[in-house]
Amino acid sequence: MPIITIHQPNYLPWPGFFHKWMLADVFVILDTVQYHKNEWQNRNRIKTAQGEQWLTVPVNYRFPQRIEEVTIASPLWAKKQIASIEQAYAKAPFFQQYWLDIKAIMQAEHANLVALNVALIQHLGNLLGCTAPLLLASDLPITDTDPTARLIKITQHFDGDVYLSGSEGEHYLDQAVFASHHITLKFQQVSPPVYPQLHGDFIPYLSVLDVLFNIGEGSHSIIRNMGDMRS
């Protein structure tokens, strides 16, 4: 039963993003929907000695642009973020092992926000042992604008028997509609992992960088054991 999952291209995503990828046979990046300000497409959080800190990529956006159309506003954005990450994690046990390659991706020129996010997601996924192919919705011959129809068409495109939704999907997805198309609807069920961190009391829901720099190769096991999927 091929499991298809779909997710918007978040910036330096939290561990649950990669857990969802680990459960799937195909992972589609949904870059064809409308961009929303102040969500996760252009920002995430790290932990510093002063507590949590937002990392935000400045973007050029006009309503109602799709995510794939949003460009990066300033070529200088990376310099400040790199300094913040280096200051926060320089003493983390596995920082030096992973940082230079991640830094190089941040410093490179990217055509748009999706290109940056996907480059980071693909690299981080490789480090974490995510093996399912990662594909862009914008590369697929699917033009449906109805949200449910779009999910079904993408799943059918890959001959999927199971569509894996995030946990919030149970509040708006109709299992009967998926069943009418011979697709079983499953939901990701996770709890944020707890692991040794720098800088005092534990803070959950940070970027996956926090796990990777603190735990190293053990990050795969910690993330995979966050939970599973349910009907």
Protein backbone atom coordinates (compact mmCIF):
# COMPACT_ATOMS: atom_id res chain seq x y z
CA MET A 1 0.00 0.00 0.00
CA PRO A 2 1.96 3.08 -1.17
CA ILE A 3 1.67 5.86 1.41
CA ILE A 4 1.62 9.39 0.00
CA THR A 5 2.08 12.45 2.18
CA ILE A 6 1.99 16.12 1.24
CA HIS A 7 3.35 19.13 3.11
CA GLN A 8 4.05 22.78 2.42
CA PRO A 9 7.75 23.71 2.13
CA ASN A 10 8.61 24.93 5.60
CA TYR A 11 11.87 26.68 6.44
CA LEU A 12 14.24 24.58 8.57
CA PRO A 13 11.25 22.45 9.70
CA TRP A 14 10.59 20.98 13.12
CA PRO A 15 11.27 17.24 13.70
CA GLY A 16 7.64 16.24 13.06
CA PHE A 17 8.02 17.26 9.41
CA PHE A 18 10.75 14.66 8.95
CA HIS A 19 8.84 12.06 10.98
CA LYS A 20 6.01 12.39 8.45
CA TRP A 21 8.52 11.90 5.64
CA MET A 22 9.89 8.77 7.32
CA LEU A 23 6.42 7.20 7.30
CA ALA A 24 5.79 7.82 3.60
CA ASP A 25 6.66 6.15 0.31
CA VAL A 26 6.36 9.45 -1.58
CA PHE A 27 6.64 12.94 -0.07
CA VAL A 28 5.19 15.80 -2.13
CA ILE A 29 6.08 19.40 -1.36
CA LEU A 30 2.91 21.45 -1.84
CA ASP A 31 4.25 24.67 -3.35
CA THR A 32 1.19 25.45 -5.51
CA VAL A 33 -1.06 26.84 -2.77
CA GLN A 34 -1.34 30.41 -1.56
CA TYR A 35 1.48 31.73 0.58
CA HIS A 36 0.44 32.92 4.04
CA LYS A 37 2.42 35.48 5.99
CA ASN A 38 3.65 34.76 9.50
CA GLU A 39 3.45 30.99 9.19
CA TRP A 40 6.27 28.46 8.71
CA GLN A 41 7.24 28.86 5.06
CA ASN A 42 9.85 31.53 5.79
CA ARG A 43 10.63 31.19 9.49
CA ASN A 44 11.37 28.85 12.36
CA ARG A 45 12.89 28.86 15.84
CA ILE A 46 16.18 27.90 17.43
CA LYS A 47 17.27 27.90 21.07
CA THR A 48 19.81 30.40 22.38
CA ALA A 49 21.22 31.26 25.79
CA GLN A 50 18.41 33.84 26.03
CA GLY A 51 15.67 31.38 25.08
CA GLU A 52 13.94 30.74 21.77
CA GLN A 53 14.76 32.95 18.78
CA TRP A 54 13.01 33.30 15.44
CA LEU A 55 14.95 32.93 12.19
CA THR A 56 13.03 34.69 9.41
CA VAL A 57 13.81 34.86 5.71
CA PRO A 58 12.64 38.23 4.29
CA VAL A 59 10.40 37.73 1.26
CA ASN A 60 8.75 39.63 -1.58
CA TYR A 61 5.08 38.69 -1.47
CA ARG A 62 1.89 40.05 -2.96
CA PHE A 63 -1.50 38.59 -2.19
CA PRO A 64 -2.55 36.10 -3.54
CA GLN A 65 0.77 34.70 -4.75
CA ARG A 66 1.41 30.98 -4.51
CA ILE A 67 4.33 29.72 -2.45
CA GLU A 68 6.28 28.86 -5.62
CA GLU A 69 6.08 32.53 -6.71
CA VAL A 70 7.52 34.07 -3.54
CA THR A 71 11.09 35.35 -3.85
CA ILE A 72 13.68 36.24 -1.22
CA ALA A 73 13.78 39.98 -0.55
CA SER A 74 17.41 40.54 0.36
CA PRO A 75 20.66 38.75 -0.51
CA LEU A 76 21.99 39.71 2.92
CA TRP A 77 19.45 37.75 4.96
CA ALA A 78 21.72 34.74 5.55
CA LYS A 79 24.58 36.61 7.20
CA LYS A 80 22.62 37.50 10.33
CA GLN A 81 21.00 34.07 10.62
CA ILE A 82 24.32 32.28 10.23
CA ALA A 83 25.77 34.38 13.03
CA SER A 84 22.78 33.58 15.27
CA ILE A 85 23.04 29.83 14.63
CA GLU A 86 26.79 29.81 15.21
CA GLN A 87 26.43 31.70 18.47
CA ALA A 88 23.63 29.42 19.68
CA TYR A 89 25.14 26.05 18.75
CA ALA A 90 28.92 26.41 18.57
CA LYS A 91 29.25 24.30 21.72
CA ALA A 92 26.70 21.66 20.69
CA PRO A 93 28.29 18.19 20.44
CA PHE A 94 27.60 17.65 16.72
CA PHE A 95 27.56 21.22 15.42
CA GLN A 96 30.88 21.03 13.58
CA GLN A 97 29.93 17.72 11.97
CA TYR A 98 26.92 19.15 10.15
CA TRP A 99 27.15 22.91 10.04
CA LEU A 100 29.40 23.70 7.08
CA ASP A 101 27.15 22.00 4.51
CA ILE A 102 24.01 23.62 5.94
CA LYS A 103 25.75 27.00 6.01
CA ALA A 104 26.77 26.61 2.36
CA ILE A 105 23.13 26.05 1.35
CA MET A 106 22.07 29.16 3.24
CA GLN A 107 24.82 31.23 1.61
CA ALA A 108 24.05 30.07 -1.94
CA GLU A 109 21.85 32.03 -4.33
CA HIS A 110 18.33 30.64 -4.68
CA ALA A 111 15.78 31.57 -7.33
CA ASN A 112 12.98 31.77 -4.78
CA LEU A 113 11.93 30.73 -1.29
CA VAL A 114 10.91 27.23 -2.40
CA ALA A 115 14.36 26.59 -3.88
CA LEU A 116 16.00 27.54 -0.58
CA ASN A 117 13.60 25.51 1.54
CA VAL A 118 13.76 22.42 -0.65
CA ALA A 119 17.56 22.49 -0.76
CA LEU A 120 17.64 22.58 3.05
CA ILE A 121 14.86 20.01 3.44
CA GLN A 122 16.51 17.57 1.03
CA HIS A 123 19.90 17.89 2.73
CA LEU A 124 18.48 17.56 6.24
CA GLY A 125 16.33 14.63 5.15
CA ASN A 126 19.39 12.85 3.77
CA LEU A 127 21.20 13.35 7.07
CA LEU A 128 18.20 11.97 8.96
CA GLY A 129 17.79 8.89 6.80
CA CYS A 130 14.59 9.91 4.98
CA THR A 131 14.50 7.70 1.89
CA ALA A 132 11.15 8.36 0.20
CA PRO A 133 11.45 10.47 -2.96
CA LEU A 134 10.79 14.19 -2.48
CA LEU A 135 8.83 15.85 -5.29
CA LEU A 136 7.29 19.25 -5.99
CA ALA A 137 3.56 19.64 -6.63
CA SER A 138 4.44 22.30 -9.21
CA ASP A 139 6.15 19.60 -11.28
CA LEU A 140 3.00 17.45 -11.41
CA PRO A 141 0.21 17.69 -14.05
CA ILE A 142 -2.42 18.52 -11.43
CA THR A 143 -4.36 21.78 -11.58
CA ASP A 144 -7.24 21.19 -9.14
CA THR A 145 -7.80 24.13 -6.81
CA ASP A 146 -10.24 22.40 -4.47
CA PRO A 147 -8.07 21.38 -1.48
CA THR A 148 -9.50 17.87 -1.04
CA ALA A 149 -9.59 17.12 -4.77
CA ARG A 150 -5.97 18.23 -5.05
CA LEU A 151 -4.84 15.85 -2.30
CA ILE A 152 -6.76 12.97 -3.88
CA LYS A 153 -5.38 13.67 -7.37
CA ILE A 154 -1.81 13.82 -6.09
CA THR A 155 -2.27 10.55 -4.22
CA GLN A 156 -3.78 8.91 -7.31
CA HIS A 157 -0.94 10.21 -9.49
CA PHE A 158 1.44 8.00 -7.52
CA ASP A 159 -1.00 5.05 -7.33
CA GLY A 160 -1.25 5.63 -3.59
CA ASP A 161 -3.60 3.55 -1.46
CA VAL A 162 -3.03 5.65 1.67
CA TYR A 163 -2.95 9.41 2.15
CA LEU A 164 -1.09 10.42 5.31
CA SER A 165 -2.28 13.74 6.73
CA GLY A 166 -0.95 15.76 9.60
CA SER A 167 -2.87 15.47 12.85
CA GLU A 168 -4.88 18.64 12.13
CA GLY A 169 -6.36 17.00 9.05
CA GLU A 170 -8.93 15.12 11.10
CA HIS A 171 -10.71 18.44 11.70
CA TYR A 172 -11.33 19.17 8.02
CA LEU A 173 -10.75 16.07 5.87
CA ASP A 174 -13.68 13.76 5.10
CA GLN A 175 -12.68 10.10 5.25
CA ALA A 176 -15.73 9.12 3.20
CA VAL A 177 -14.60 11.28 0.27
CA PHE A 178 -11.19 9.62 0.26
CA ALA A 179 -12.78 6.18 0.63
CA SER A 180 -14.98 6.86 -2.41
CA HIS A 181 -11.72 7.13 -4.38
CA HIS A 182 -10.33 3.93 -2.79
CA ILE A 183 -7.87 5.84 -0.63
CA THR A 184 -7.43 5.15 3.08
CA LEU A 185 -6.98 8.31 5.13
CA LYS A 186 -4.41 8.14 7.93
CA PHE A 187 -3.28 10.78 10.40
CA GLN A 188 0.16 11.42 11.82
CA GLN A 189 0.18 11.18 15.61
CA VAL A 190 3.28 12.57 17.30
CA SER A 191 4.56 14.02 20.54
CA PRO A 192 7.55 16.38 20.49
CA PRO A 193 10.75 14.46 21.31
CA VAL A 194 12.64 15.22 24.50
CA TYR A 195 16.44 15.12 24.28
CA PRO A 196 19.47 16.87 25.82
CA GLN A 197 19.66 20.54 24.83
CA LEU A 198 22.01 23.41 25.51
CA HIS A 199 20.95 26.53 27.40
CA GLY A 200 18.81 25.37 30.31
CA ASP A 201 15.25 24.09 30.45
CA PHE A 202 13.98 22.05 27.51
CA ILE A 203 12.06 23.88 24.77
CA PRO A 204 9.99 21.75 22.32
CA TYR A 205 8.89 22.43 18.75
CA LEU A 206 12.16 23.98 17.57
CA SER A 207 13.77 23.59 14.17
CA VAL A 208 15.24 20.15 13.52
CA LEU A 209 18.65 21.85 13.66
CA ASP A 210 18.36 21.71 17.45
CA VAL A 211 18.02 17.92 17.45
CA LEU A 212 20.71 17.39 14.85
CA PHE A 213 23.34 19.58 16.51
CA ASN A 214 22.68 18.12 19.96
CA ILE A 215 22.10 14.44 19.14
CA GLY A 216 23.88 13.76 15.84
CA GLU A 217 23.32 10.34 14.26
CA GLY A 218 20.87 9.45 17.01
CA SER A 219 18.46 12.03 15.59
CA HIS A 220 16.89 9.51 13.20
CA SER A 221 15.83 7.20 16.02
CA ILE A 222 14.55 10.06 18.19
CA ILE A 223 12.46 11.46 15.36
CA ARG A 224 11.14 8.11 14.12
CA ASN A 225 10.02 7.28 17.67
CA MET A 226 7.99 10.50 18.00
CA GLY A 227 4.88 8.53 17.09
CA ASP A 228 3.17 6.76 14.23
CA MET A 229 0.00 7.05 12.14
CA ARG A 230 -3.59 6.18 12.94
CA SER A 231 -6.94 5.95 11.20
